[in-house]
């Protein structure tokens, strides 16, 4: 019974375009975010940059969920 409900909900979510848009945004933003930061003034893997990127991505994830 639970398997049927899960399969139905998964198929329903995969048919909706919003699911694919959210997935694309959440996959592309982490790759594009470091390029938006000025790489000349700080290293992209510095603790400050990682903290800022994590905060922005966390906020986007909260909006989606």
PDB file of N, CA and C in Angstrom:
ATOM      1  N   UNK A   1       0.825  -1.192   0.000  1.00  0.00           N
ATOM      2  CA  UNK A   1       0.000   0.000   0.000  1.00  0.00           C
ATOM      3  C   UNK A   1       0.873   1.261   0.000  1.00  0.00           C
ATOM      4  N   UNK A   2       1.858   1.292   0.886  1.00  0.00           N
ATOM      5  CA  UNK A   2       2.731   2.463   0.970  1.00  0.00           C
ATOM      6  C   UNK A   2       3.550   2.593  -0.305  1.00  0.00           C
ATOM      7  N   UNK A   3       3.967   1.474  -0.876  1.00  0.00           N
ATOM      8  CA  UNK A   3       4.736   1.501  -2.114  1.00  0.00           C
ATOM      9  C   UNK A   3       3.949   2.089  -3.273  1.00  0.00           C
ATOM     10  N   UNK A   4       2.665   1.777  -3.335  1.00  0.00           N
ATOM     11  CA  UNK A   4       1.827   2.318  -4.398  1.00  0.00           C
ATOM     12  C   UNK A   4       1.670   3.826  -4.256  1.00  0.00           C
ATOM     13  N   UNK A   5       1.469   4.281  -3.031  1.00  0.00           N
ATOM     14  CA  UNK A   5       1.332   5.723  -2.789  1.00  0.00           C
ATOM     15  C   UNK A   5       2.633   6.434  -3.130  1.00  0.00           C
ATOM     16  N   UNK A   6       3.757   5.864  -2.710  1.00  0.00           N
ATOM     17  CA  UNK A   6       5.057   6.463  -3.006  1.00  0.00           C
ATOM     18  C   UNK A   6       5.292   6.533  -4.516  1.00  0.00           C
ATOM     19  N   UNK A   7       4.990   5.448  -5.229  1.00  0.00           N
ATOM     20  CA  UNK A   7       5.178   5.416  -6.677  1.00  0.00           C
ATOM     21  C   UNK A   7       4.279   6.443  -7.367  1.00  0.00           C
ATOM     22  N   UNK A   8       3.033   6.572  -6.914  1.00  0.00           N
ATOM     23  CA  UNK A   8       2.124   7.553  -7.489  1.00  0.00           C
ATOM     24  C   UNK A   8       2.632   8.978  -7.267  1.00  0.00           C
ATOM     25  N   UNK A   9       3.053   9.279  -6.034  1.00  0.00           N
ATOM     26  CA  UNK A   9       3.532  10.628  -5.716  1.00  0.00           C
ATOM     27  C   UNK A   9       4.809  10.952  -6.485  1.00  0.00           C
ATOM     28  N   UNK A  10       5.690   9.996  -6.627  1.00  0.00           N
ATOM     29  CA  UNK A  10       6.926  10.216  -7.374  1.00  0.00           C
ATOM     30  C   UNK A  10       6.620  10.470  -8.850  1.00  0.00           C
ATOM     31  N   UNK A  11       5.739   9.672  -9.429  1.00  0.00           N
ATOM     32  CA  UNK A  11       5.379   9.878 -10.834  1.00  0.00           C
ATOM     33  C   UNK A  11       4.694  11.224 -11.024  1.00  0.00           C
ATOM     34  N   UNK A  12       3.858  11.612 -10.073  1.00  0.00           N
ATOM     35  CA  UNK A  12       3.165  12.891 -10.164  1.00  0.00           C
ATOM     36  C   UNK A  12       4.163  14.050 -10.102  1.00  0.00           C
ATOM     37  N   UNK A  13       5.120  13.965  -9.194  1.00  0.00           N
ATOM     38  CA  UNK A  13       6.111  15.035  -9.052  1.00  0.00           C
ATOM     39  C   UNK A  13       7.012  15.125 -10.281  1.00  0.00           C
ATOM     40  N   UNK A  14       7.368  14.002 -10.861  1.00  0.00           N
ATOM     41  CA  UNK A  14       8.258  14.013 -12.029  1.00  0.00           C
ATOM     42  C   UNK A  14       7.566  14.522 -13.286  1.00  0.00           C
ATOM     43  N   UNK A  15       6.237  14.491 -13.325  1.00  0.00           N
ATOM     44  CA  UNK A  15       5.500  15.025 -14.475  1.00  0.00           C
ATOM     45  C   UNK A  15       5.377  16.534 -14.422  1.00  0.00           C
ATOM     46  N   UNK A  16       5.537  17.117 -13.261  1.00  0.00           N
ATOM     47  CA  UNK A  16       5.357  18.561 -13.118  1.00  0.00           C
ATOM     48  C   UNK A  16       6.625  19.307 -13.531  1.00  0.00           C
ATOM     49  N   UNK A  17       6.501  20.385 -14.308  1.00  0.00           N
ATOM     50  CA  UNK A  17       7.688  21.139 -14.725  1.00  0.00           C
ATOM     51  C   UNK A  17       8.363  21.867 -13.566  1.00  0.00           C
ATOM     52  N   UNK A  18       7.619  22.230 -12.539  1.00  0.00           N
ATOM     53  CA  UNK A  18       8.221  22.936 -11.404  1.00  0.00           C
ATOM     54  C   UNK A  18       9.288  22.088 -10.726  1.00  0.00           C
ATOM     55  N   UNK A  19       9.092  20.789 -10.666  1.00  0.00           N
ATOM     56  CA  UNK A  19      10.082  19.893 -10.065  1.00  0.00           C
ATOM     57  C   UNK A  19      11.406  19.995 -10.807  1.00  0.00           C
ATOM     58  N   UNK A  20      11.346  20.009 -12.126  1.00  0.00           N
ATOM     59  CA  UNK A  20      12.561  20.072 -12.937  1.00  0.00           C
ATOM     60  C   UNK A  20      13.214  21.446 -12.863  1.00  0.00           C
ATOM     61  N   UNK A  21      12.409  22.489 -12.763  1.00  0.00           N
ATOM     62  CA  UNK A  21      12.975  23.841 -12.625  1.00  0.00           C
ATOM     63  C   UNK A  21      13.699  23.978 -11.295  1.00  0.00           C
ATOM     64  N   UNK A  22      13.064  23.530 -10.217  1.00  0.00           N
ATOM     65  CA  UNK A  22      13.706  23.588  -8.898  1.00  0.00           C
ATOM     66  C   UNK A  22      14.989  22.762  -8.881  1.00  0.00           C
ATOM     67  N   UNK A  23      14.958  21.583  -9.478  1.00  0.00           N
ATOM     68  CA  UNK A  23      16.145  20.733  -9.503  1.00  0.00           C
ATOM     69  C   UNK A  23      17.273  21.401 -10.287  1.00  0.00           C
ATOM     70  N   UNK A  24      16.934  22.010 -11.413  1.00  0.00           N
ATOM     71  CA  UNK A  24      17.958  22.686 -12.222  1.00  0.00           C
ATOM     72  C   UNK A  24      18.559  23.864 -11.473  1.00  0.00           C
ATOM     73  N   UNK A  25      17.723  24.648 -10.818  1.00  0.00           N
ATOM     74  CA  UNK A  25      18.228  25.807 -10.065  1.00  0.00           C
ATOM     75  C   UNK A  25      19.127  25.350  -8.931  1.00  0.00           C
ATOM     76  N   UNK A  26      18.683  24.340  -8.179  1.00  0.00           N
ATOM     77  CA  UNK A  26      19.483  23.885  -7.044  1.00  0.00           C
ATOM     78  C   UNK A  26      20.750  23.158  -7.465  1.00  0.00           C
ATOM     79  N   UNK A  27      20.819  22.681  -8.685  1.00  0.00           N
ATOM     80  CA  UNK A  27      22.047  22.057  -9.173  1.00  0.00           C
ATOM     81  C   UNK A  27      22.988  23.060  -9.825  1.00  0.00           C
ATOM     82  N   UNK A  28      22.445  24.071 -10.481  1.00  0.00           N
ATOM     83  CA  UNK A  28      23.288  25.031 -11.188  1.00  0.00           C
ATOM     84  C   UNK A  28      23.839  26.130 -10.287  1.00  0.00           C
ATOM     85  N   UNK A  29      23.089  26.544  -9.304  1.00  0.00           N
ATOM     86  CA  UNK A  29      23.521  27.660  -8.453  1.00  0.00           C
ATOM     87  C   UNK A  29      24.836  27.366  -7.747  1.00  0.00           C
ATOM     88  N   UNK A  30      25.057  26.178  -7.183  1.00  0.00           N
ATOM     89  CA  UNK A  30      26.367  25.944  -6.542  1.00  0.00           C
ATOM     90  C   UNK A  30      27.547  26.046  -7.500  1.00  0.00           C
ATOM     91  N   UNK A  31      27.335  25.706  -8.758  1.00  0.00           N
ATOM     92  CA  UNK A  31      28.423  25.793  -9.719  1.00  0.00           C
ATOM     93  C   UNK A  31      28.649  27.219 -10.205  1.00  0.00           C
ATOM     94  N   UNK A  32      27.590  28.006 -10.264  1.00  0.00           N
ATOM     95  CA  UNK A  32      27.710  29.373 -10.760  1.00  0.00           C
ATOM     96  C   UNK A  32      28.033  30.380  -9.667  1.00  0.00           C
ATOM     97  N   UNK A  33      27.715  30.073  -8.430  1.00  0.00           N
ATOM     98  CA  UNK A  33      27.893  31.010  -7.326  1.00  0.00           C
ATOM     99  C   UNK A  33      29.352  31.431  -7.127  1.00  0.00           C
ATOM    100  N   UNK A  34      30.320  30.527  -7.147  1.00  0.00           N
ATOM    101  CA  UNK A  34      31.709  30.973  -6.959  1.00  0.00           C
ATOM    102  C   UNK A  34      32.188  31.924  -8.058  1.00  0.00           C
ATOM    103  N   UNK A  35      31.628  31.822  -9.248  1.00  0.00           N
ATOM    104  CA  UNK A  35      32.029  32.709 -10.328  1.00  0.00           C
ATOM    105  C   UNK A  35      31.437  34.096 -10.170  1.00  0.00           C
ATOM    106  N   UNK A  36      30.389  34.205  -9.374  1.00  0.00           N
ATOM    107  CA  UNK A  36      29.783  35.512  -9.136  1.00  0.00           C
ATOM    108  C   UNK A  36      30.559  36.294  -8.077  1.00  0.00           C
ATOM    109  N   UNK A  37      31.342  35.582  -7.291  1.00  0.00           N
ATOM    110  CA  UNK A  37      32.152  36.227  -6.258  1.00  0.00           C
ATOM    111  C   UNK A  37      33.442  36.723  -6.893  1.00  0.00           C
ATOM    112  N   UNK A  38      33.892  37.882  -6.475  1.00  0.00           N
ATOM    113  CA  UNK A  38      35.136  38.435  -7.005  1.00  0.00           C
ATOM    114  C   UNK A  38      36.293  37.561  -6.541  1.00  0.00           C
ATOM    115  N   UNK A  39      36.848  36.785  -7.447  1.00  0.00           N
ATOM    116  CA  UNK A  39      37.922  35.864  -7.099  1.00  0.00           C
ATOM    117  C   UNK A  39      39.250  36.549  -6.844  1.00  0.00           C
ATOM    118  N   UNK A  40      39.396  37.818  -7.235  1.00  0.00           N
ATOM    119  CA  UNK A  40      40.667  38.504  -7.055  1.00  0.00           C
ATOM    120  C   UNK A  40      40.873  38.933  -5.600  1.00  0.00           C
ATOM    121  N   UNK A  41      39.783  39.227  -4.892  1.00  0.00           N
ATOM    122  CA  UNK A  41      39.934  39.733  -3.531  1.00  0.00           C
ATOM    123  C   UNK A  41      39.987  38.623  -2.493  1.00  0.00           C
ATOM    124  N   UNK A  42      39.469  37.444  -2.802  1.00  0.00           N
ATOM    125  CA  UNK A  42      39.532  36.341  -1.850  1.00  0.00           C
ATOM    126  C   UNK A  42      39.543  35.019  -2.611  1.00  0.00           C
ATOM    127  N   UNK A  43      40.055  34.005  -1.950  1.00  0.00           N
ATOM    128  CA  UNK A  43      40.071  32.684  -2.559  1.00  0.00           C
ATOM    129  C   UNK A  43      38.671  32.090  -2.525  1.00  0.00           C
ATOM    130  N   UNK A  44      38.311  31.324  -3.543  1.00  0.00           N
ATOM    131  CA  UNK A  44      36.964  30.769  -3.620  1.00  0.00           C
ATOM    132  C   UNK A  44      36.713  29.681  -2.589  1.00  0.00           C
ATOM    133  N   UNK A  45      37.761  29.048  -2.089  1.00  0.00           N
ATOM    134  CA  UNK A  45      37.567  28.028  -1.074  1.00  0.00           C
ATOM    135  C   UNK A  45      37.921  28.529   0.327  1.00  0.00           C
ATOM    136  N   UNK A  46      37.953  29.837   0.503  1.00  0.00           N
ATOM    137  CA  UNK A  46      38.219  30.382   1.828  1.00  0.00           C
ATOM    138  C   UNK A  46      37.001  30.165   2.723  1.00  0.00           C
ATOM    139  N   UNK A  47      37.207  30.119   4.031  1.00  0.00           N
ATOM    140  CA  UNK A  47      36.079  29.894   4.937  1.00  0.00           C
ATOM    141  C   UNK A  47      34.977  30.936   4.789  1.00  0.00           C
ATOM    142  N   UNK A  48      35.356  32.180   4.523  1.00  0.00           N
ATOM    143  CA  UNK A  48      34.355  33.234   4.360  1.00  0.00           C
ATOM    144  C   UNK A  48      33.506  32.986   3.114  1.00  0.00           C
ATOM    145  N   UNK A  49      34.127  32.628   2.018  1.00  0.00           N
ATOM    146  CA  UNK A  49      33.392  32.365   0.779  1.00  0.00           C
ATOM    147  C   UNK A  49      32.499  31.139   0.916  1.00  0.00           C
ATOM    148  N   UNK A  50      33.003  30.100   1.535  1.00  0.00           N
ATOM    149  CA  UNK A  50      32.215  28.876   1.720  1.00  0.00           C
ATOM    150  C   UNK A  50      31.010  29.154   2.618  1.00  0.00           C
ATOM    151  N   UNK A  51      31.195  29.957   3.659  1.00  0.00           N
ATOM    152  CA  UNK A  51      30.091  30.307   4.549  1.00  0.00           C
ATOM    153  C   UNK A  51      29.019  31.104   3.816  1.00  0.00           C
ATOM    154  N   UNK A  52      29.427  32.075   3.034  1.00  0.00           N
ATOM    155  CA  UNK A  52      28.462  32.891   2.290  1.00  0.00           C
ATOM    156  C   UNK A  52      27.704  32.064   1.263  1.00  0.00           C
ATOM    157  N   UNK A  53      28.402  31.216   0.544  1.00  0.00           N
ATOM    158  CA  UNK A  53      27.750  30.372  -0.455  1.00  0.00           C
ATOM    159  C   UNK A  53      26.776  29.410   0.217  1.00  0.00           C
ATOM    160  N   UNK A  54      27.188  28.828   1.334  1.00  0.00           N
ATOM    161  CA  UNK A  54      26.312  27.903   2.054  1.00  0.00           C
ATOM    162  C   UNK A  54      25.062  28.596   2.564  1.00  0.00           C
ATOM    163  N   UNK A  55      25.200  29.826   3.020  1.00  0.00           N
ATOM    164  CA  UNK A  55      24.036  30.564   3.515  1.00  0.00           C
ATOM    165  C   UNK A  55      23.050  30.867   2.395  1.00  0.00           C
ATOM    166  N   UNK A  56      23.552  31.266   1.253  1.00  0.00           N
ATOM    167  CA  UNK A  56      22.665  31.566   0.123  1.00  0.00           C
ATOM    168  C   UNK A  56      21.975  30.300  -0.377  1.00  0.00           C
ATOM    169  N   UNK A  57      22.733  29.230  -0.517  1.00  0.00           N
ATOM    170  CA  UNK A  57      22.141  27.971  -0.985  1.00  0.00           C
ATOM    171  C   UNK A  57      21.151  27.403   0.019  1.00  0.00           C
ATOM    172  N   UNK A  58      21.439  27.554   1.294  1.00  0.00           N
ATOM    173  CA  UNK A  58      20.493  27.116   2.323  1.00  0.00           C
ATOM    174  C   UNK A  58      19.193  27.902   2.271  1.00  0.00           C
ATOM    175  N   UNK A  59      19.297  29.209   2.042  1.00  0.00           N
ATOM    176  CA  UNK A  59      18.096  30.032   1.910  1.00  0.00           C
ATOM    177  C   UNK A  59      17.272  29.653   0.703  1.00  0.00           C
ATOM    178  N   UNK A  60      17.940  29.376  -0.419  1.00  0.00           N
ATOM    179  CA  UNK A  60      17.211  28.928  -1.617  1.00  0.00           C
ATOM    180  C   UNK A  60      16.550  27.579  -1.394  1.00  0.00           C
ATOM    181  N   UNK A  61      17.246  26.697  -0.723  1.00  0.00           N
ATOM    182  CA  UNK A  61      16.665  25.384  -0.421  1.00  0.00           C
ATOM    183  C   UNK A  61      15.463  25.477   0.488  1.00  0.00           C
ATOM    184  N   UNK A  62      15.513  26.407   1.448  1.00  0.00           N
ATOM    185  CA  UNK A  62      14.366  26.598   2.333  1.00  0.00           C
ATOM    186  C   UNK A  62      13.173  27.153   1.571  1.00  0.00           C
ATOM    187  N   UNK A  63      13.414  28.038   0.615  1.00  0.00           N
ATOM    188  CA  UNK A  63      12.304  28.571  -0.183  1.00  0.00           C
ATOM    189  C   UNK A  63      11.661  27.478  -1.028  1.00  0.00           C
ATOM    190  N   UNK A  64      12.464  26.611  -1.573  1.00  0.00           N
ATOM    191  CA  UNK A  64      11.922  25.540  -2.408  1.00  0.00           C
ATOM    192  C   UNK A  64      11.116  24.544  -1.569  1.00  0.00           C
ATOM    193  N   UNK A  65      11.637  24.223  -0.401  1.00  0.00           N
ATOM    194  CA  UNK A  65      10.925  23.229   0.419  1.00  0.00           C
ATOM    195  C   UNK A  65       9.791  23.864   1.161  1.00  0.00           C
TER     196      UNK A  65
END
